[in-house]
Amino acid sequence: MAKKSEAQKAREQADAKLREERAKATQRSGRTAADEAWKEKLRQQQEEQDRRDTFDENYDV
């Protein structure tokens, strides 16, 4: 019966670790999505600035 309790303890520890890893993965996933959105916004801003710079160069504003 001692073996059963040891196995049960090991299973509970593994379950706790798995839950923790899932929570971390969810956080990483959320950060990754936010990072991608931020990179896209930055890319659009840089594209707009490049367009304005080109316009300024061509028309001596």
C-alpha atoms as a PDB file:
ATOM      1  CA  MET A   1       0.000   0.000   0.000  1.00  0.00           C
ATOM      2  CA  ALA A   2       2.973   2.284   0.556  1.00  0.00           C
ATOM      3  CA  LYS A   3       3.842   1.949  -3.115  1.00  0.00           C
ATOM      4  CA  LYS A   4       0.384   3.119  -4.098  1.00  0.00           C
ATOM      5  CA  SER A   5       0.698   6.241  -1.980  1.00  0.00           C
ATOM      6  CA  GLU A   6       4.151   6.949  -3.449  1.00  0.00           C
ATOM      7  CA  ALA A   7       2.788   6.531  -6.951  1.00  0.00           C
ATOM      8  CA  GLN A   8      -0.146   8.758  -6.094  1.00  0.00           C
ATOM      9  CA  LYS A   9       2.194  11.439  -4.706  1.00  0.00           C
ATOM     10  CA  ALA A  10       4.341  11.263  -7.831  1.00  0.00           C
ATOM     11  CA  ARG A  11       1.235  11.563 -10.031  1.00  0.00           C
ATOM     12  CA  GLU A  12      -0.006  14.570  -8.049  1.00  0.00           C
ATOM     13  CA  GLN A  13       3.376  16.260  -8.363  1.00  0.00           C
ATOM     14  CA  ALA A  14       3.417  15.591 -12.093  1.00  0.00           C
ATOM     15  CA  ASP A  15      -0.126  16.967 -12.435  1.00  0.00           C
ATOM     16  CA  ALA A  16       0.840  20.108 -10.516  1.00  0.00           C
ATOM     17  CA  LYS A  17       3.901  20.588 -12.719  1.00  0.00           C
ATOM     18  CA  LEU A  18       1.825  20.051 -15.850  1.00  0.00           C
ATOM     19  CA  ARG A  19      -0.731  22.662 -14.733  1.00  0.00           C
ATOM     20  CA  GLU A  20       2.108  25.090 -14.024  1.00  0.00           C
ATOM     21  CA  GLU A  21       3.652  24.492 -17.460  1.00  0.00           C
ATOM     22  CA  ARG A  22       0.275  24.994 -19.153  1.00  0.00           C
ATOM     23  CA  ALA A  23      -0.161  28.312 -17.319  1.00  0.00           C
ATOM     24  CA  LYS A  24       3.312  29.423 -18.403  1.00  0.00           C
ATOM     25  CA  ALA A  25       2.622  28.386 -21.997  1.00  0.00           C
ATOM     26  CA  THR A  26      -0.572  30.440 -22.004  1.00  0.00           C
ATOM     27  CA  GLN A  27       1.335  33.467 -20.741  1.00  0.00           C
ATOM     28  CA  ARG A  28       4.052  33.002 -23.355  1.00  0.00           C
ATOM     29  CA  SER A  29       1.432  32.645 -26.049  1.00  0.00           C
ATOM     30  CA  GLY A  30      -0.239  35.871 -24.975  1.00  0.00           C
ATOM     31  CA  ARG A  31       3.064  37.715 -24.907  1.00  0.00           C
ATOM     32  CA  THR A  32       3.989  36.361 -28.311  1.00  0.00           C
ATOM     33  CA  ALA A  33       0.717  37.584 -29.800  1.00  0.00           C
ATOM     34  CA  ALA A  34       1.201  40.998 -28.201  1.00  0.00           C
ATOM     35  CA  ASP A  35       4.785  41.135 -29.480  1.00  0.00           C
ATOM     36  CA  GLU A  36       3.639  40.275 -32.999  1.00  0.00           C
ATOM     37  CA  ALA A  37       0.952  42.964 -32.890  1.00  0.00           C
ATOM     38  CA  TRP A  38       3.502  45.503 -31.650  1.00  0.00           C
ATOM     39  CA  LYS A  39       5.982  44.523 -34.395  1.00  0.00           C
ATOM     40  CA  GLU A  40       3.272  44.896 -37.042  1.00  0.00           C
ATOM     41  CA  LYS A  41       2.281  48.329 -35.721  1.00  0.00           C
ATOM     42  CA  LEU A  42       5.939  49.405 -35.686  1.00  0.00           C
ATOM     43  CA  ARG A  43       6.402  48.125 -39.239  1.00  0.00           C
ATOM     44  CA  GLN A  44       3.379  50.131 -40.394  1.00  0.00           C
ATOM     45  CA  GLN A  45       4.671  53.264 -38.682  1.00  0.00           C
ATOM     46  CA  GLN A  46       8.088  52.845 -40.285  1.00  0.00           C
ATOM     47  CA  GLU A  47       6.479  52.270 -43.672  1.00  0.00           C
ATOM     48  CA  GLU A  48       4.432  55.465 -43.276  1.00  0.00           C
ATOM     49  CA  GLN A  49       7.518  57.435 -42.219  1.00  0.00           C
ATOM     50  CA  ASP A  50       9.476  56.112 -45.206  1.00  0.00           C
ATOM     51  CA  ARG A  51       6.636  57.161 -47.497  1.00  0.00           C
ATOM     52  CA  ARG A  52       6.637  60.663 -45.999  1.00  0.00           C
ATOM     53  CA  ASP A  53      10.418  60.943 -46.247  1.00  0.00           C
ATOM     54  CA  THR A  54      10.289  59.942 -49.914  1.00  0.00           C
ATOM     55  CA  PHE A  55       7.568  62.497 -50.570  1.00  0.00           C
ATOM     56  CA  ASP A  56       9.598  65.211 -48.811  1.00  0.00           C
ATOM     57  CA  GLU A  57      12.708  64.353 -50.849  1.00  0.00           C
ATOM     58  CA  ASN A  58      10.810  64.426 -54.134  1.00  0.00           C
ATOM     59  CA  TYR A  59       8.937  67.670 -53.541  1.00  0.00           C
ATOM     60  CA  ASP A  60      11.294  69.772 -51.381  1.00  0.00           C
ATOM     61  CA  VAL A  61       8.783  70.411 -48.647  1.00  0.00           C
END
